Amino acid sequence: MRLTGLRFYLSYEWFGVSAPFDSACRLVTSPFFSPLSLGALRVLFAVYSLVTTITVLVFESVRFHDSSSFFSYFTDLSYIGLVAYFWASGIQTIAFVIWGQKAYPLQKWSRILQFLHILLYTTITIFPFIVTVVYWTLLASSSTFRTQYSGMGSVCSSTAVVHDRLLLAWSNVSQHAMNSCFALFEILLTNAGPTPWSHIAPGLVLFACYLGVAYITHAAQGFYTYDFLDPSAQHGLLAAYIIGMGVGYCILFTIVKGICTLRCRLVSPSRLDSSEQVQPEDLHEWEHVDVEPMKESSGSEA
């Protein structure tokens, strides 16, 4: 009995990967948009977030020669997660439309990829809020929309300074405000979710792994990505910050799960006409090439 229970807790089903996978096609539909509109919006968000990421990375590399720490910041890593999710979900949604709204590729892929997609959904609906809250409460200041080089009038022209400020303001809004708007879009305006309670653990593990990245960065490059992670400056508060963020993650997870559950109950796909529901056997229709002739009944032969 104990072995059976352990196998269940380590099974894909426990982590939200059902068999057949997403037979109601929740991940590629919305109660408010058609699949084509949803796919177009997701691709639009994917392009915008990718352009933002590339622009920030190139600007830091060319303008400030400071790209080595780009992947050390939780903001950048979580934003890359948004980029990955919107490209993946956007392509899956467009494929769902192309295939006549019967199925989409992820339903035919391996279960590990299905699990990773759901886990990615979990992270992009939680981490952006942590980034937004931490940034605007602990990190933002009166110089938030000014660059560290904006005061170097003798070196930089006024035009370059204005350009730097505008770019910094745009990147701050995109990465520390619009990221949460993208998350809210998926939470409120799609049929995806709610994710299972079992995803709390993987999310906390990813969150803890980032602390390792932050201290590896300090050991390798000599600085802390966030001042509140500096033990010499924060002392006992460091543990409070770390525990507080972990508790905050669990609270956010519960809130997001509750909102998704409420949304599913109010505008559930089950309220659609039965003819619009995707049946498990529909997942295999696109593979069929030959059509077997219909068999006549024995009564008709007589």
Protein backbone atom coordinates (compact mmCIF):
# COMPACT_ATOMS: atom_id res chain seq x y z
CA MET A 1 0.00 0.00 0.00
CA ARG A 2 2.78 2.43 0.89
CA LEU A 3 4.63 1.63 -2.36
CA THR A 4 1.45 2.21 -4.34
CA GLY A 5 0.90 5.54 -2.63
CA LEU A 6 4.50 6.58 -3.30
CA ARG A 7 4.13 5.71 -6.97
CA PHE A 8 1.02 7.89 -7.16
CA TYR A 9 2.76 10.86 -5.57
CA LEU A 10 5.60 10.51 -8.08
CA SER A 11 3.28 9.94 -11.04
CA TYR A 12 2.56 12.39 -13.84
CA GLU A 13 -1.12 12.44 -12.87
CA TRP A 14 -0.25 13.84 -9.45
CA PHE A 15 1.57 16.69 -11.19
CA GLY A 16 -1.41 17.49 -13.40
CA VAL A 17 -0.50 15.51 -16.52
CA SER A 18 -3.65 13.57 -17.25
CA ALA A 19 -4.10 10.76 -19.78
CA PRO A 20 -5.28 11.67 -22.35
CA PHE A 21 -3.63 15.05 -21.91
CA ASP A 22 -5.93 18.09 -21.81
CA SER A 23 -8.81 16.44 -23.67
CA ALA A 24 -10.91 19.61 -23.21
CA CYS A 25 -8.13 21.70 -24.81
CA ARG A 26 -8.10 24.17 -21.93
CA LEU A 27 -4.52 25.22 -22.58
CA VAL A 28 -5.33 26.57 -26.05
CA THR A 29 -8.78 28.06 -25.53
CA SER A 30 -10.33 31.06 -23.81
CA PRO A 31 -13.83 31.85 -22.52
CA PHE A 32 -13.52 35.33 -24.03
CA PHE A 33 -11.50 34.94 -27.25
CA SER A 34 -11.66 32.61 -30.20
CA PRO A 35 -8.68 30.23 -30.51
CA LEU A 36 -7.37 32.30 -33.43
CA SER A 37 -7.54 35.54 -31.42
CA LEU A 38 -5.96 33.87 -28.40
CA GLY A 39 -3.14 32.48 -30.53
CA ALA A 40 -2.55 35.88 -32.14
CA LEU A 41 -2.42 37.62 -28.75
CA ARG A 42 0.00 35.06 -27.34
CA VAL A 43 2.28 35.39 -30.35
CA LEU A 44 2.08 39.18 -30.04
CA PHE A 45 3.11 38.97 -26.37
CA ALA A 46 5.86 36.52 -27.33
CA VAL A 47 7.29 38.90 -29.93
CA TYR A 48 7.07 41.90 -27.58
CA SER A 49 8.74 40.12 -24.66
CA LEU A 50 11.45 38.68 -26.91
CA VAL A 51 12.19 42.10 -28.43
CA THR A 52 12.33 43.55 -24.90
CA THR A 53 14.77 40.90 -23.71
CA ILE A 54 17.05 41.22 -26.74
CA THR A 55 16.99 45.02 -26.60
CA VAL A 56 17.92 45.13 -22.92
CA LEU A 57 20.68 42.56 -23.40
CA VAL A 58 22.15 44.33 -26.44
CA PHE A 59 21.91 47.75 -24.80
CA GLU A 60 23.73 46.55 -21.69
CA SER A 61 26.39 44.89 -23.84
CA VAL A 62 27.03 47.73 -26.29
CA ARG A 63 26.25 50.82 -24.25
CA PHE A 64 27.45 49.86 -20.78
CA HIS A 65 29.58 46.75 -21.51
CA ASP A 66 27.77 45.03 -18.66
CA SER A 67 26.06 41.93 -20.06
CA SER A 68 27.94 39.33 -18.02
CA SER A 69 25.44 39.56 -15.18
CA PHE A 70 22.29 39.52 -17.33
CA PHE A 71 21.41 35.93 -16.44
CA SER A 72 22.13 36.52 -12.76
CA TYR A 73 19.00 38.57 -12.11
CA PHE A 74 15.72 36.92 -11.18
CA THR A 75 13.91 39.62 -13.15
CA ASP A 76 15.63 38.62 -16.38
CA LEU A 77 15.30 34.88 -15.76
CA SER A 78 11.58 35.11 -14.97
CA TYR A 79 11.03 37.34 -18.00
CA ILE A 80 12.75 34.76 -20.19
CA GLY A 81 10.24 32.29 -18.77
CA LEU A 82 7.45 34.54 -20.07
CA VAL A 83 9.13 34.64 -23.48
CA ALA A 84 9.35 30.85 -23.59
CA TYR A 85 5.78 30.34 -22.41
CA PHE A 86 4.15 32.74 -24.86
CA TRP A 87 6.09 31.32 -27.79
CA ALA A 88 5.22 27.76 -26.78
CA SER A 89 1.56 28.44 -25.99
CA GLY A 90 1.15 30.73 -29.00
CA ILE A 91 2.45 28.12 -31.44
CA GLN A 92 0.35 25.39 -29.81
CA THR A 93 -2.76 27.57 -30.06
CA ILE A 94 -2.14 28.43 -33.72
CA ALA A 95 -1.59 24.73 -34.46
CA PHE A 96 -4.90 24.01 -32.69
CA VAL A 97 -6.62 26.39 -35.10
CA ILE A 98 -4.86 24.92 -38.15
CA TRP A 99 -5.85 21.40 -37.14
CA GLY A 100 -9.52 22.35 -37.09
CA GLN A 101 -9.71 22.87 -33.31
CA LYS A 102 -9.56 19.12 -32.77
CA ALA A 103 -6.13 18.72 -31.21
CA TYR A 104 -2.73 20.37 -30.84
CA PRO A 105 0.84 18.98 -30.96
CA LEU A 106 1.56 18.97 -27.22
CA GLN A 107 -1.19 16.40 -26.70
CA LYS A 108 0.84 13.93 -28.78
CA TRP A 109 4.23 14.70 -27.28
CA SER A 110 5.94 12.90 -24.40
CA ARG A 111 4.54 13.33 -20.92
CA ILE A 112 7.70 14.97 -19.63
CA LEU A 113 7.20 17.81 -22.13
CA GLN A 114 3.56 18.08 -21.09
CA PHE A 115 4.62 18.33 -17.45
CA LEU A 116 7.25 20.96 -18.24
CA HIS A 117 4.68 23.04 -20.12
CA ILE A 118 2.27 22.98 -17.16
CA LEU A 119 5.10 23.76 -14.74
CA LEU A 120 6.15 26.67 -16.96
CA TYR A 121 2.56 27.93 -16.79
CA THR A 122 2.75 27.73 -13.01
CA THR A 123 5.95 29.78 -12.86
CA ILE A 124 4.78 32.50 -15.26
CA THR A 125 1.63 33.04 -13.20
CA ILE A 126 3.56 33.36 -9.90
CA PHE A 127 7.09 34.70 -10.44
CA PRO A 128 6.09 37.92 -12.27
CA PHE A 129 4.09 39.08 -9.24
CA ILE A 130 7.06 38.42 -6.97
CA VAL A 131 9.28 40.46 -9.30
CA THR A 132 6.78 43.32 -9.41
CA VAL A 133 6.18 43.45 -5.67
CA VAL A 134 9.85 43.13 -4.69
CA TYR A 135 11.00 45.68 -7.25
CA TRP A 136 8.50 48.42 -6.50
CA THR A 137 8.62 47.95 -2.71
CA LEU A 138 12.30 47.20 -2.04
CA LEU A 139 14.35 48.25 -5.06
CA ALA A 140 12.63 51.15 -6.84
CA SER A 141 13.62 54.70 -5.90
CA SER A 142 13.56 58.23 -7.23
CA SER A 143 16.26 57.19 -9.69
CA THR A 144 14.30 54.24 -11.03
CA PHE A 145 13.80 55.92 -14.40
CA ARG A 146 17.30 57.32 -14.62
CA THR A 147 20.42 55.49 -15.75
CA GLN A 148 23.58 55.22 -13.72
CA TYR A 149 25.28 57.26 -16.46
CA SER A 150 22.67 60.00 -16.74
CA GLY A 151 24.75 62.40 -14.69
CA MET A 152 27.84 62.15 -16.86
CA GLY A 153 27.11 65.24 -18.94
CA SER A 154 30.73 65.73 -19.90
CA VAL A 155 30.90 62.27 -21.40
CA CYS A 156 27.43 61.69 -22.76
CA SER A 157 25.48 64.13 -24.84
CA SER A 158 22.08 65.31 -23.65
CA THR A 159 20.47 63.33 -26.44
CA ALA A 160 22.17 60.13 -25.29
CA VAL A 161 21.09 60.81 -21.72
CA VAL A 162 17.47 61.26 -22.75
CA HIS A 163 17.70 58.10 -24.84
CA ASP A 164 19.12 56.18 -21.89
CA ARG A 165 16.38 57.40 -19.58
CA LEU A 166 13.63 56.54 -22.03
CA LEU A 167 15.03 53.08 -22.64
CA LEU A 168 15.45 52.44 -18.92
CA ALA A 169 11.91 53.60 -18.23
CA TRP A 170 10.55 51.36 -20.99
CA SER A 171 12.54 48.34 -19.80
CA ASN A 172 11.46 48.90 -16.18
CA VAL A 173 7.80 49.12 -17.14
CA SER A 174 8.07 46.09 -19.44
CA GLN A 175 9.95 43.86 -17.01
CA HIS A 176 8.53 45.03 -13.68
CA ALA A 177 4.92 45.97 -14.51
CA MET A 178 3.80 44.50 -17.82
CA ASN A 179 5.14 41.11 -16.73
CA SER A 180 2.35 40.93 -14.16
CA CYS A 181 -0.16 42.08 -16.78
CA PHE A 182 0.92 39.17 -18.98
CA ALA A 183 0.45 36.82 -16.03
CA LEU A 184 -3.02 38.24 -15.31
CA PHE A 185 -3.96 37.67 -18.94
CA GLU A 186 -3.27 33.95 -18.60
CA ILE A 187 -4.95 33.73 -15.20
CA LEU A 188 -8.13 35.64 -16.02
CA LEU A 189 -8.68 35.39 -19.77
CA THR A 190 -7.78 31.81 -20.72
CA ASN A 191 -9.09 28.38 -19.77
CA ALA A 192 -5.67 27.24 -18.51
CA GLY A 193 -5.23 26.16 -14.91
CA PRO A 194 -5.67 25.82 -12.05
CA THR A 195 -2.40 24.04 -11.48
CA PRO A 196 -2.33 21.23 -8.87
CA TRP A 197 -1.11 21.76 -5.32
CA SER A 198 1.83 19.50 -6.09
CA HIS A 199 3.42 22.33 -8.11
CA ILE A 200 4.19 24.26 -4.95
CA ALA A 201 7.25 22.06 -4.35
CA PRO A 202 8.88 22.41 -7.81
CA GLY A 203 8.27 26.15 -7.72
CA LEU A 204 9.95 26.47 -4.33
CA VAL A 205 12.88 24.40 -5.59
CA LEU A 206 13.32 26.75 -8.57
CA PHE A 207 13.04 29.71 -6.23
CA ALA A 208 15.70 28.23 -3.93
CA CYS A 209 17.96 27.46 -6.89
CA TYR A 210 17.96 31.14 -7.74
CA LEU A 211 19.49 31.92 -4.34
CA GLY A 212 22.33 29.65 -5.39
CA VAL A 213 22.69 31.64 -8.62
CA ALA A 214 22.79 34.91 -6.66
CA TYR A 215 25.60 33.72 -4.38
CA ILE A 216 27.50 32.11 -7.25
CA THR A 217 27.37 35.50 -8.97
CA HIS A 218 28.83 37.14 -5.87
CA ALA A 219 31.61 34.57 -5.69
CA ALA A 220 32.40 34.85 -9.40
CA GLN A 221 31.81 38.54 -10.10
CA GLY A 222 32.06 40.15 -6.67
CA PHE A 223 28.60 41.71 -6.26
CA TYR A 224 25.14 40.81 -5.01
CA THR A 225 22.37 41.00 -7.59
CA TYR A 226 20.04 42.34 -4.89
CA ASP A 227 21.21 44.26 -1.83
CA PHE A 228 18.85 42.45 0.52
CA LEU A 229 20.74 39.20 -0.20
CA ASP A 230 23.96 40.62 1.26
CA PRO A 231 24.47 38.90 4.66
CA SER A 232 27.06 41.46 5.76
CA ALA A 233 24.55 44.28 5.33
CA GLN A 234 21.29 42.58 6.33
CA HIS A 235 22.53 40.26 9.10
CA GLY A 236 19.50 38.61 10.68
CA LEU A 237 17.10 40.23 8.23
CA LEU A 238 18.49 38.08 5.44
CA ALA A 239 16.79 34.98 6.78
CA ALA A 240 13.57 36.96 7.22
CA TYR A 241 13.73 38.13 3.59
CA ILE A 242 14.33 34.61 2.28
CA ILE A 243 11.61 33.02 4.42
CA GLY A 244 9.26 35.89 3.62
CA MET A 245 9.70 35.39 -0.11
CA GLY A 246 9.11 31.66 0.27
CA VAL A 247 5.94 32.28 2.26
CA GLY A 248 4.94 34.93 -0.27
CA TYR A 249 5.34 32.40 -3.06
CA CYS A 250 3.01 29.95 -1.27
CA ILE A 251 0.45 32.70 -0.64
CA LEU A 252 0.57 33.84 -4.26
CA PHE A 253 0.24 30.24 -5.42
CA THR A 254 -2.88 29.82 -3.30
CA ILE A 255 -4.40 33.09 -4.52
CA VAL A 256 -3.71 32.32 -8.19
CA LYS A 257 -5.07 28.79 -7.83
CA GLY A 258 -8.20 30.16 -6.14
CA ILE A 259 -8.76 32.75 -8.89
CA CYS A 260 -8.30 30.11 -11.62
CA THR A 261 -10.68 27.75 -9.84
CA LEU A 262 -13.30 30.49 -9.51
CA ARG A 263 -12.89 31.46 -13.16
CA CYS A 264 -13.28 27.83 -14.26
CA ARG A 265 -16.50 27.52 -12.25
CA LEU A 266 -17.95 30.72 -13.67
CA VAL A 267 -16.96 30.21 -17.29
CA SER A 268 -16.13 26.54 -17.53
CA PRO A 269 -15.65 24.87 -20.93
CA SER A 270 -18.08 22.20 -19.71
CA ARG A 271 -20.86 24.70 -20.37
CA LEU A 272 -20.16 24.46 -24.08
CA ASP A 273 -22.37 22.36 -26.26
CA SER A 274 -21.32 18.70 -26.20
CA SER A 275 -20.60 18.83 -29.93
CA GLU A 276 -17.91 21.43 -29.25
CA GLN A 277 -16.10 19.32 -26.67
CA VAL A 278 -12.97 17.54 -27.86
CA GLN A 279 -13.19 13.80 -27.32
CA PRO A 280 -10.12 11.66 -26.59
CA GLU A 281 -10.45 9.80 -29.87
CA ASP A 282 -10.23 13.11 -31.74
CA LEU A 283 -6.57 13.30 -30.79
CA HIS A 284 -5.81 10.53 -33.27
CA GLU A 285 -7.94 11.69 -36.19
CA TRP A 286 -5.17 13.74 -37.78
CA GLU A 287 -3.00 10.60 -38.02
CA HIS A 288 -5.55 8.61 -40.02
CA VAL A 289 -4.79 8.23 -43.69
CA ASP A 290 -6.85 5.30 -44.90
CA VAL A 291 -10.59 5.15 -44.41
CA GLU A 292 -12.03 1.72 -43.84
CA PRO A 293 -15.22 0.92 -45.75
CA MET A 294 -18.33 0.70 -43.65
CA LYS A 295 -19.46 -2.79 -42.82
CA GLU A 296 -22.95 -3.79 -43.67
CA SER A 297 -25.06 -5.32 -40.99
CA SER A 298 -25.97 -8.99 -41.15
CA GLY A 299 -29.62 -8.04 -41.47
CA SER A 300 -29.03 -6.15 -44.71
CA GLU A 301 -27.33 -9.23 -46.23
CA ALA A 302 -30.49 -11.19 -45.76
